[in-house]
Amino acid sequence: MRRPILPGDICSTARALLAVAPAERRALCEQIFAGAGQASHHLRRHRQLCPDWGDGSLSAAARRFQLADEPFYDAPQYLACTRLVLARLARHIRRNTE
């Protein structure tokens, strides 16, 4: 993933996680991050959008899946999903800056 991460990327990914059962969220989060990475690679290599994952953004990758309606941040499950996305993003950033 090479694109800048925008607030909408975090929101869309958290909403995708919120739409699935809690036991499925970590795996879906990994799948979304991997898909965004694949799309980014495809875009650099072929100079066109990835047919499966879009433009390389987390938002485009997340939107392949059903998104829950956006709740307020004080909704406990949405907050848990947002924290999961941010923790995964922090690991991604650490790996790419070491």
Protein backbone atom coordinates (compact mmCIF):
# COMPACT_ATOMS: atom_id res chain seq x y z
CA MET A 1 0.00 0.00 0.00
CA ARG A 2 1.60 3.24 -1.13
CA ARG A 3 -1.31 5.66 -1.06
CA PRO A 4 -1.67 8.07 1.84
CA ILE A 5 -4.08 6.76 4.47
CA LEU A 6 -7.04 9.10 4.82
CA PRO A 7 -9.72 9.21 7.53
CA GLY A 8 -12.20 7.73 5.05
CA ASP A 9 -9.95 4.69 4.64
CA ILE A 10 -10.10 4.01 8.36
CA CYS A 11 -13.86 4.59 8.46
CA SER A 12 -14.65 2.35 5.47
CA THR A 13 -12.48 -0.46 6.78
CA ALA A 14 -14.01 -0.25 10.27
CA ARG A 15 -17.51 -0.27 8.74
CA ALA A 16 -16.65 -3.42 6.75
CA LEU A 17 -15.44 -5.07 9.95
CA LEU A 18 -18.55 -3.98 11.81
CA ALA A 19 -20.71 -5.74 9.21
CA VAL A 20 -19.27 -9.18 10.10
CA ALA A 21 -19.24 -11.24 13.26
CA PRO A 22 -16.56 -10.29 15.82
CA ALA A 23 -14.75 -13.61 15.27
CA GLU A 24 -14.31 -12.77 11.55
CA ARG A 25 -13.02 -9.21 11.93
CA ARG A 26 -9.29 -9.77 12.27
CA ALA A 27 -9.16 -12.00 9.18
CA LEU A 28 -11.24 -9.53 7.16
CA CYS A 29 -8.99 -6.67 8.25
CA GLU A 30 -5.95 -8.61 7.01
CA GLN A 31 -7.73 -9.37 3.75
CA ILE A 32 -8.55 -5.70 3.17
CA PHE A 33 -4.97 -4.59 3.86
CA ALA A 34 -3.62 -7.33 1.57
CA GLY A 35 -6.10 -6.38 -1.16
CA ALA A 36 -5.11 -2.72 -0.97
CA GLY A 37 -1.47 -3.80 -1.28
CA GLN A 38 -2.24 -5.97 -4.31
CA ALA A 39 -4.14 -3.13 -5.94
CA SER A 40 -1.31 -0.70 -5.30
CA HIS A 41 1.17 -3.11 -6.88
CA HIS A 42 -1.16 -3.69 -9.85
CA LEU A 43 -1.61 0.04 -10.37
CA ARG A 44 2.16 0.67 -10.36
CA ARG A 45 2.83 -2.24 -12.68
CA HIS A 46 -0.04 -1.89 -15.17
CA ARG A 47 -0.96 1.78 -14.74
CA GLN A 48 -4.61 0.87 -14.35
CA LEU A 49 -6.98 0.05 -11.52
CA CYS A 50 -6.93 -3.46 -10.17
CA PRO A 51 -10.16 -5.15 -11.28
CA ASP A 52 -10.53 -6.89 -7.92
CA TRP A 53 -9.33 -4.30 -5.39
CA GLY A 54 -9.54 -0.87 -7.03
CA ASP A 55 -7.10 1.99 -6.66
CA GLY A 56 -4.88 0.72 -3.84
CA SER A 57 -6.68 2.55 -1.06
CA LEU A 58 -8.04 0.82 2.01
CA SER A 59 -11.41 2.38 1.27
CA ALA A 60 -11.62 0.84 -2.19
CA ALA A 61 -10.56 -2.56 -0.83
CA ALA A 62 -13.06 -2.34 2.05
CA ARG A 63 -15.88 -1.41 -0.30
CA ARG A 64 -15.64 -4.82 -1.95
CA PHE A 65 -17.49 -5.98 1.15
CA GLN A 66 -20.74 -4.95 2.74
CA LEU A 67 -20.32 -1.84 4.92
CA ALA A 68 -22.36 -1.28 8.04
CA ASP A 69 -24.07 2.08 8.38
CA GLU A 70 -21.67 4.53 9.99
CA PRO A 71 -22.40 4.80 13.70
CA PHE A 72 -21.04 7.32 16.16
CA TYR A 73 -17.64 6.71 17.71
CA ASP A 74 -19.22 6.00 21.08
CA ALA A 75 -20.75 2.79 19.71
CA PRO A 76 -18.60 0.15 21.46
CA GLN A 77 -18.41 -2.30 18.53
CA TYR A 78 -17.53 0.43 16.03
CA LEU A 79 -14.87 1.74 18.36
CA ALA A 80 -13.45 -1.80 18.67
CA CYS A 81 -13.38 -2.12 14.86
CA THR A 82 -11.70 1.27 14.49
CA ARG A 83 -9.06 0.29 17.05
CA LEU A 84 -8.43 -2.95 15.17
CA VAL A 85 -7.89 -1.04 11.91
CA LEU A 86 -5.58 1.48 13.59
CA ALA A 87 -3.53 -1.28 15.25
CA ARG A 88 -3.15 -3.04 11.88
CA LEU A 89 -2.16 0.25 10.28
CA ALA A 90 0.46 0.85 12.99
CA ARG A 91 2.00 -2.59 12.27
CA HIS A 92 2.01 -1.80 8.54
CA ILE A 93 3.78 1.52 9.13
CA ARG A 94 6.36 -0.04 11.50
CA ARG A 95 7.19 -2.76 8.96
CA ASN A 96 7.66 -0.25 6.17
CA THR A 97 9.82 2.17 8.15
CA GLU A 98 12.24 -0.33 9.69
